[in-house]
Amino acid sequence: ALTKEQMMFALDFRKPTLCFSDPGTGKTST
């Protein structure tokens, strides 16, 4: 299950995208 924030982030990576956050926040899944 992705959170609303993760869904919004993962919706469109058609431009260069960076993802930084703490361990265990769901970066890899997103």
PDB file of all heavy atoms in Angstrom:
ATOM      1  N   ALA A   1       0.851  -1.182   0.000  1.00  0.00           N
ATOM      2  CA  ALA A   1       0.000   0.000   0.000  1.00  0.00           C
ATOM      3  C   ALA A   1       0.891   1.239   0.000  1.00  0.00           C
ATOM      4  O   ALA A   1       1.846   1.320   0.765  1.00  0.00           O
ATOM      5  CB  ALA A   1      -0.895  -0.008   1.226  1.00  0.00           C
ATOM      6  N   LEU A   2       0.622   2.163  -0.900  1.00  0.00           N
ATOM      7  CA  LEU A   2       1.361   3.425  -0.939  1.00  0.00           C
ATOM      8  C   LEU A   2       0.515   4.510  -0.295  1.00  0.00           C
ATOM      9  O   LEU A   2      -0.699   4.551  -0.482  1.00  0.00           O
ATOM     10  CB  LEU A   2       1.691   3.810  -2.386  1.00  0.00           C
ATOM     11  CG  LEU A   2       2.569   2.849  -3.176  1.00  0.00           C
ATOM     12  CD1 LEU A   2       2.732   3.347  -4.608  1.00  0.00           C
ATOM     13  CD2 LEU A   2       3.928   2.675  -2.527  1.00  0.00           C
ATOM     14  N   THR A   3       1.170   5.396   0.447  1.00  0.00           N
ATOM     15  CA  THR A   3       0.456   6.524   1.036  1.00  0.00           C
ATOM     16  C   THR A   3       0.061   7.502  -0.064  1.00  0.00           C
ATOM     17  O   THR A   3       0.555   7.418  -1.196  1.00  0.00           O
ATOM     18  CB  THR A   3       1.332   7.262   2.066  1.00  0.00           C
ATOM     19  OG1 THR A   3       2.426   7.881   1.371  1.00  0.00           O
ATOM     20  CG2 THR A   3       1.839   6.329   3.156  1.00  0.00           C
ATOM     21  N   LYS A   4      -0.798   8.443   0.274  1.00  0.00           N
ATOM     22  CA  LYS A   4      -1.203   9.459  -0.699  1.00  0.00           C
ATOM     23  C   LYS A   4       0.019  10.228  -1.211  1.00  0.00           C
ATOM     24  O   LYS A   4       0.145  10.489  -2.402  1.00  0.00           O
ATOM     25  CB  LYS A   4      -2.209  10.421  -0.067  1.00  0.00           C
ATOM     26  CG  LYS A   4      -2.692  11.492  -1.013  1.00  0.00           C
ATOM     27  CD  LYS A   4      -3.691  12.420  -0.358  1.00  0.00           C
ATOM     28  CE  LYS A   4      -4.075  13.521  -1.331  1.00  0.00           C
ATOM     29  NZ  LYS A   4      -4.993  14.473  -0.736  1.00  0.00           N
ATOM     30  N   GLU A   5       0.947  10.564  -0.314  1.00  0.00           N
ATOM     31  CA  GLU A   5       2.160  11.299  -0.705  1.00  0.00           C
ATOM     32  C   GLU A   5       3.024  10.462  -1.647  1.00  0.00           C
ATOM     33  O   GLU A   5       3.560  10.975  -2.626  1.00  0.00           O
ATOM     34  CB  GLU A   5       2.975  11.705   0.528  1.00  0.00           C
ATOM     35  CG  GLU A   5       2.312  12.752   1.394  1.00  0.00           C
ATOM     36  CD  GLU A   5       1.248  12.183   2.348  1.00  0.00           C
ATOM     37  OE1 GLU A   5       1.138  10.939   2.482  1.00  0.00           O
ATOM     38  OE2 GLU A   5       0.522  12.989   2.946  1.00  0.00           O
ATOM     39  N   GLN A   6       3.146   9.171  -1.351  1.00  0.00           N
ATOM     40  CA  GLN A   6       3.921   8.292  -2.224  1.00  0.00           C
ATOM     41  C   GLN A   6       3.256   8.164  -3.592  1.00  0.00           C
ATOM     42  O   GLN A   6       3.935   8.166  -4.617  1.00  0.00           O
ATOM     43  CB  GLN A   6       4.082   6.910  -1.577  1.00  0.00           C
ATOM     44  CG  GLN A   6       4.992   6.918  -0.375  1.00  0.00           C
ATOM     45  CD  GLN A   6       4.933   5.620   0.397  1.00  0.00           C
ATOM     46  OE1 GLN A   6       3.879   4.981   0.498  1.00  0.00           O
ATOM     47  NE2 GLN A   6       6.052   5.225   0.972  1.00  0.00           N
ATOM     48  N   MET A   7       1.938   8.053  -3.600  1.00  0.00           N
ATOM     49  CA  MET A   7       1.204   7.959  -4.866  1.00  0.00           C
ATOM     50  C   MET A   7       1.430   9.219  -5.704  1.00  0.00           C
ATOM     51  O   MET A   7       1.708   9.128  -6.897  1.00  0.00           O
ATOM     52  CB  MET A   7      -0.295   7.760  -4.616  1.00  0.00           C
ATOM     53  CG  MET A   7      -0.676   6.445  -3.998  1.00  0.00           C
ATOM     54  SD  MET A   7      -0.658   5.058  -5.141  1.00  0.00           S
ATOM     55  CE  MET A   7      -2.186   5.328  -6.032  1.00  0.00           C
ATOM     56  N   MET A   8       1.324  10.383  -5.076  1.00  0.00           N
ATOM     57  CA  MET A   8       1.506  11.638  -5.805  1.00  0.00           C
ATOM     58  C   MET A   8       2.926  11.742  -6.370  1.00  0.00           C
ATOM     59  O   MET A   8       3.127  12.205  -7.484  1.00  0.00           O
ATOM     60  CB  MET A   8       1.190  12.839  -4.912  1.00  0.00           C
ATOM     61  CG  MET A   8      -0.264  12.888  -4.435  1.00  0.00           C
ATOM     62  SD  MET A   8      -1.490  12.760  -5.750  1.00  0.00           S
ATOM     63  CE  MET A   8      -1.296  14.342  -6.518  1.00  0.00           C
ATOM     64  N   PHE A   9       3.901  11.297  -5.592  1.00  0.00           N
ATOM     65  CA  PHE A   9       5.295  11.345  -6.043  1.00  0.00           C
ATOM     66  C   PHE A   9       5.536  10.375  -7.197  1.00  0.00           C
ATOM     67  O   PHE A   9       6.203  10.717  -8.176  1.00  0.00           O
ATOM     68  CB  PHE A   9       6.235  11.032  -4.873  1.00  0.00           C
ATOM     69  CG  PHE A   9       7.690  11.125  -5.227  1.00  0.00           C
ATOM     70  CD1 PHE A   9       8.294  12.365  -5.360  1.00  0.00           C
ATOM     71  CD2 PHE A   9       8.446   9.990  -5.423  1.00  0.00           C
ATOM     72  CE1 PHE A   9       9.639  12.463  -5.692  1.00  0.00           C
ATOM     73  CE2 PHE A   9       9.789  10.081  -5.754  1.00  0.00           C
ATOM     74  CZ  PHE A   9      10.382  11.321  -5.886  1.00  0.00           C
ATOM     75  N   ALA A  10       4.993   9.173  -7.107  1.00  0.00           N
ATOM     76  CA  ALA A  10       5.266   8.126  -8.090  1.00  0.00           C
ATOM     77  C   ALA A  10       4.436   8.246  -9.364  1.00  0.00           C
ATOM     78  O   ALA A  10       4.697   7.542 -10.332  1.00  0.00           O
ATOM     79  CB  ALA A  10       5.029   6.754  -7.464  1.00  0.00           C
ATOM     80  N   LEU A  11       3.469   9.129  -9.398  1.00  0.00           N
ATOM     81  CA  LEU A  11       2.580   9.236 -10.553  1.00  0.00           C
ATOM     82  C   LEU A  11       3.293   9.566 -11.848  1.00  0.00           C
ATOM     83  O   LEU A  11       2.920   9.063 -12.904  1.00  0.00           O
ATOM     84  CB  LEU A  11       1.489  10.281 -10.307  1.00  0.00           C
ATOM     85  CG  LEU A  11       0.203   9.754  -9.718  1.00  0.00           C
ATOM     86  CD1 LEU A  11      -0.730  10.901  -9.374  1.00  0.00           C
ATOM     87  CD2 LEU A  11      -0.472   8.753 -10.616  1.00  0.00           C
ATOM     88  N   ASP A  12       4.308  10.399 -11.798  1.00  0.00           N
ATOM     89  CA  ASP A  12       4.913  10.826 -13.058  1.00  0.00           C
ATOM     90  C   ASP A  12       6.386  11.164 -12.885  1.00  0.00           C
ATOM     91  O   ASP A  12       6.750  12.216 -12.383  1.00  0.00           O
ATOM     92  CB  ASP A  12       4.162  12.034 -13.613  1.00  0.00           C
ATOM     93  CG  ASP A  12       4.518  12.324 -15.059  1.00  0.00           C
ATOM     94  OD1 ASP A  12       5.452  11.698 -15.595  1.00  0.00           O
ATOM     95  OD2 ASP A  12       3.851  13.184 -15.648  1.00  0.00           O
ATOM     96  N   PHE A  13       7.235  10.258 -13.314  1.00  0.00           N
ATOM     97  CA  PHE A  13       8.690  10.440 -13.277  1.00  0.00           C
ATOM     98  C   PHE A  13       9.232  10.812 -14.663  1.00  0.00           C
ATOM     99  O   PHE A  13      10.370  10.534 -14.967  1.00  0.00           O
ATOM    100  CB  PHE A  13       9.373   9.134 -12.851  1.00  0.00           C
ATOM    101  CG  PHE A  13       9.326   8.806 -11.390  1.00  0.00           C
ATOM    102  CD1 PHE A  13       8.573   9.529 -10.488  1.00  0.00           C
ATOM    103  CD2 PHE A  13      10.056   7.737 -10.912  1.00  0.00           C
ATOM    104  CE1 PHE A  13       8.541   9.196  -9.155  1.00  0.00           C
ATOM    105  CE2 PHE A  13      10.037   7.394  -9.576  1.00  0.00           C
ATOM    106  CZ  PHE A  13       9.282   8.124  -8.690  1.00  0.00           C
ATOM    107  N   ARG A  14       8.443  11.428 -15.520  1.00  0.00           N
ATOM    108  CA  ARG A  14       8.911  11.713 -16.879  1.00  0.00           C
ATOM    109  C   ARG A  14       9.945  12.821 -16.952  1.00  0.00           C
ATOM    110  O   ARG A  14      10.477  13.093 -18.008  1.00  0.00           O
ATOM    111  CB  ARG A  14       7.736  12.018 -17.801  1.00  0.00           C
ATOM    112  CG  ARG A  14       6.914  10.774 -18.098  1.00  0.00           C
ATOM    113  CD  ARG A  14       5.774  11.065 -19.010  1.00  0.00           C
ATOM    114  NE  ARG A  14       4.774  11.854 -18.299  1.00  0.00           N
ATOM    115  CZ  ARG A  14       3.697  12.374 -18.874  1.00  0.00           C
ATOM    116  NH1 ARG A  14       3.489  12.204 -20.158  1.00  0.00           N
ATOM    117  NH2 ARG A  14       2.839  13.058 -18.164  1.00  0.00           N
ATOM    118  N   LYS A  15      10.251  13.424 -15.835  1.00  0.00           N
ATOM    119  CA  LYS A  15      11.343  14.393 -15.784  1.00  0.00           C
ATOM    120  C   LYS A  15      12.342  13.868 -14.750  1.00  0.00           C
ATOM    121  O   LYS A  15      11.989  13.033 -13.917  1.00  0.00           O
ATOM    122  CB  LYS A  15      10.831  15.772 -15.414  1.00  0.00           C
ATOM    123  CG  LYS A  15      10.076  15.829 -14.103  1.00  0.00           C
ATOM    124  CD  LYS A  15       9.429  17.185 -13.914  1.00  0.00           C
ATOM    125  CE  LYS A  15       8.615  17.266 -12.656  1.00  0.00           C
ATOM    126  NZ  LYS A  15       7.477  16.393 -12.601  1.00  0.00           N
ATOM    127  N   PRO A  16      13.599  14.320 -14.782  1.00  0.00           N
ATOM    128  CA  PRO A  16      14.555  13.835 -13.784  1.00  0.00           C
ATOM    129  C   PRO A  16      13.984  14.008 -12.376  1.00  0.00           C
ATOM    130  O   PRO A  16      13.429  15.045 -12.033  1.00  0.00           O
ATOM    131  CB  PRO A  16      15.777  14.722 -13.998  1.00  0.00           C
ATOM    132  CG  PRO A  16      15.681  15.117 -15.438  1.00  0.00           C
ATOM    133  CD  PRO A  16      14.200  15.273 -15.708  1.00  0.00           C
ATOM    134  N   THR A  17      14.090  12.966 -11.581  1.00  0.00           N
ATOM    135  CA  THR A  17      13.462  12.934 -10.271  1.00  0.00           C
ATOM    136  C   THR A  17      14.464  12.499  -9.218  1.00  0.00           C
ATOM    137  O   THR A  17      15.221  11.563  -9.432  1.00  0.00           O
ATOM    138  CB  THR A  17      12.277  11.950 -10.291  1.00  0.00           C
ATOM    139  OG1 THR A  17      11.377  12.342 -11.323  1.00  0.00           O
ATOM    140  CG2 THR A  17      11.541  11.922  -8.979  1.00  0.00           C
ATOM    141  N   LEU A  18      14.463  13.172  -8.091  1.00  0.00           N
ATOM    142  CA  LEU A  18      15.315  12.807  -6.960  1.00  0.00           C
ATOM    143  C   LEU A  18      14.440  12.402  -5.784  1.00  0.00           C
ATOM    144  O   LEU A  18      13.390  12.998  -5.554  1.00  0.00           O
ATOM    145  CB  LEU A  18      16.192  13.984  -6.529  1.00  0.00           C
ATOM    146  CG  LEU A  18      17.231  14.471  -7.530  1.00  0.00           C
ATOM    147  CD1 LEU A  18      17.902  15.739  -7.017  1.00  0.00           C
ATOM    148  CD2 LEU A  18      18.262  13.398  -7.787  1.00  0.00           C
ATOM    149  N   CYS A  19      14.895  11.412  -5.047  1.00  0.00           N
ATOM    150  CA  CYS A  19      14.146  10.937  -3.887  1.00  0.00           C
ATOM    151  C   CYS A  19      15.106  10.761  -2.717  1.00  0.00           C
ATOM    152  O   CYS A  19      15.994   9.923  -2.784  1.00  0.00           O
ATOM    153  CB  CYS A  19      13.465   9.613  -4.224  1.00  0.00           C
ATOM    154  SG  CYS A  19      12.534   8.914  -2.854  1.00  0.00           S
ATOM    155  N   PHE A  20      14.958  11.584  -1.693  1.00  0.00           N
ATOM    156  CA  PHE A  20      15.765  11.488  -0.475  1.00  0.00           C
ATOM    157  C   PHE A  20      14.819  11.435   0.713  1.00  0.00           C
ATOM    158  O   PHE A  20      13.911  12.248   0.818  1.00  0.00           O
ATOM    159  CB  PHE A  20      16.668  12.722  -0.299  1.00  0.00           C
ATOM    160  CG  PHE A  20      17.702  12.883  -1.362  1.00  0.00           C
ATOM    161  CD1 PHE A  20      17.481  13.722  -2.438  1.00  0.00           C
ATOM    162  CD2 PHE A  20      18.902  12.213  -1.280  1.00  0.00           C
ATOM    163  CE1 PHE A  20      18.434  13.889  -3.418  1.00  0.00           C
ATOM    164  CE2 PHE A  20      19.870  12.372  -2.255  1.00  0.00           C
ATOM    165  CZ  PHE A  20      19.639  13.209  -3.328  1.00  0.00           C
ATOM    166  N   SER A  21      15.018  10.485   1.603  1.00  0.00           N
ATOM    167  CA  SER A  21      14.252  10.459   2.852  1.00  0.00           C
ATOM    168  C   SER A  21      14.891   9.447   3.798  1.00  0.00           C
ATOM    169  O   SER A  21      15.805   8.713   3.436  1.00  0.00           O
ATOM    170  CB  SER A  21      12.776  10.152   2.617  1.00  0.00           C
ATOM    171  OG  SER A  21      12.598   8.904   2.024  1.00  0.00           O
ATOM    172  N   ASP A  22      14.388   9.417   5.003  1.00  0.00           N
ATOM    173  CA  ASP A  22      14.929   8.557   6.049  1.00  0.00           C
ATOM    174  C   ASP A  22      14.696   7.082   5.750  1.00  0.00           C
ATOM    175  O   ASP A  22      13.800   6.736   4.978  1.00  0.00           O
ATOM    176  CB  ASP A  22      14.292   8.914   7.390  1.00  0.00           C
ATOM    177  CG  ASP A  22      14.688  10.298   7.879  1.00  0.00           C
ATOM    178  OD1 ASP A  22      15.805  10.743   7.555  1.00  0.00           O
ATOM    179  OD2 ASP A  22      13.870  10.925   8.579  1.00  0.00           O
ATOM    180  N   PRO A  23      15.464   6.206   6.418  1.00  0.00           N
ATOM    181  CA  PRO A  23      15.245   4.763   6.266  1.00  0.00           C
ATOM    182  C   PRO A  23      13.827   4.371   6.700  1.00  0.00           C
ATOM    183  O   PRO A  23      13.270   4.946   7.639  1.00  0.00           O
ATOM    184  CB  PRO A  23      16.277   4.147   7.214  1.00  0.00           C
ATOM    185  CG  PRO A  23      17.315   5.198   7.407  1.00  0.00           C
ATOM    186  CD  PRO A  23      16.596   6.509   7.289  1.00  0.00           C
ATOM    187  N   GLY A  24      13.269   3.400   5.978  1.00  0.00           N
ATOM    188  CA  GLY A  24      11.960   2.874   6.360  1.00  0.00           C
ATOM    189  C   GLY A  24      10.772   3.712   5.958  1.00  0.00           C
ATOM    190  O   GLY A  24       9.656   3.462   6.395  1.00  0.00           O
ATOM    191  N   THR A  25      10.993   4.709   5.093  1.00  0.00           N
ATOM    192  CA  THR A  25       9.895   5.593   4.699  1.00  0.00           C
ATOM    193  C   THR A  25       9.186   5.151   3.416  1.00  0.00           C
ATOM    194  O   THR A  25       8.240   5.797   2.993  1.00  0.00           O
ATOM    195  CB  THR A  25      10.410   7.039   4.517  1.00  0.00           C
ATOM    196  OG1 THR A  25      11.475   7.022   3.564  1.00  0.00           O
ATOM    197  CG2 THR A  25      10.890   7.617   5.834  1.00  0.00           C
ATOM    198  N   GLY A  26       9.667   4.091   2.790  1.00  0.00           N
ATOM    199  CA  GLY A  26       9.025   3.598   1.573  1.00  0.00           C
ATOM    200  C   GLY A  26       9.639   4.115   0.285  1.00  0.00           C
ATOM    201  O   GLY A  26       9.004   4.049  -0.763  1.00  0.00           O
ATOM    202  N   LYS A  27      10.877   4.609   0.351  1.00  0.00           N
ATOM    203  CA  LYS A  27      11.535   5.121  -0.864  1.00  0.00           C
ATOM    204  C   LYS A  27      11.599   4.071  -1.963  1.00  0.00           C
ATOM    205  O   LYS A  27      11.251   4.342  -3.108  1.00  0.00           O
ATOM    206  CB  LYS A  27      12.975   5.568  -0.561  1.00  0.00           C
ATOM    207  CG  LYS A  27      13.143   6.790   0.254  1.00  0.00           C
ATOM    208  CD  LYS A  27      14.613   7.107   0.471  1.00  0.00           C
ATOM    209  CE  LYS A  27      15.401   6.028   1.138  1.00  0.00           C
ATOM    210  NZ  LYS A  27      15.049   5.669   2.501  1.00  0.00           N
ATOM    211  N   THR A  28      12.049   2.885  -1.607  1.00  0.00           N
ATOM    212  CA  THR A  28      12.245   1.846  -2.617  1.00  0.00           C
ATOM    213  C   THR A  28      10.922   1.473  -3.273  1.00  0.00           C
ATOM    214  O   THR A  28      10.847   1.410  -4.506  1.00  0.00           O
ATOM    215  CB  THR A  28      12.927   0.615  -2.000  1.00  0.00           C
ATOM    216  OG1 THR A  28      14.186   1.023  -1.448  1.00  0.00           O
ATOM    217  CG2 THR A  28      13.175  -0.459  -3.043  1.00  0.00           C
ATOM    218  N   SER A  29       9.899   1.256  -2.496  1.00  0.00           N
ATOM    219  CA  SER A  29       8.589   0.912  -3.072  1.00  0.00           C
ATOM    220  C   SER A  29       8.076   2.030  -3.968  1.00  0.00           C
ATOM    221  O   SER A  29       7.534   1.777  -5.049  1.00  0.00           O
ATOM    222  CB  SER A  29       7.574   0.653  -1.955  1.00  0.00           C
ATOM    223  OG  SER A  29       7.967  -0.432  -1.168  1.00  0.00           O
ATOM    224  N   THR A  30       8.256   3.259  -3.525  1.00  0.00           N
ATOM    225  CA  THR A  30       7.790   4.407  -4.306  1.00  0.00           C
ATOM    226  C   THR A  30       8.569   4.519  -5.613  1.00  0.00           C
ATOM    227  O   THR A  30       7.983   4.741  -6.676  1.00  0.00           O
ATOM    228  CB  THR A  30       7.920   5.698  -3.481  1.00  0.00           C
ATOM    229  OG1 THR A  30       7.219   5.531  -2.250  1.00  0.00           O
ATOM    230  CG2 THR A  30       7.345   6.892  -4.221  1.00  0.00           C
TER     231      THR A  30
END
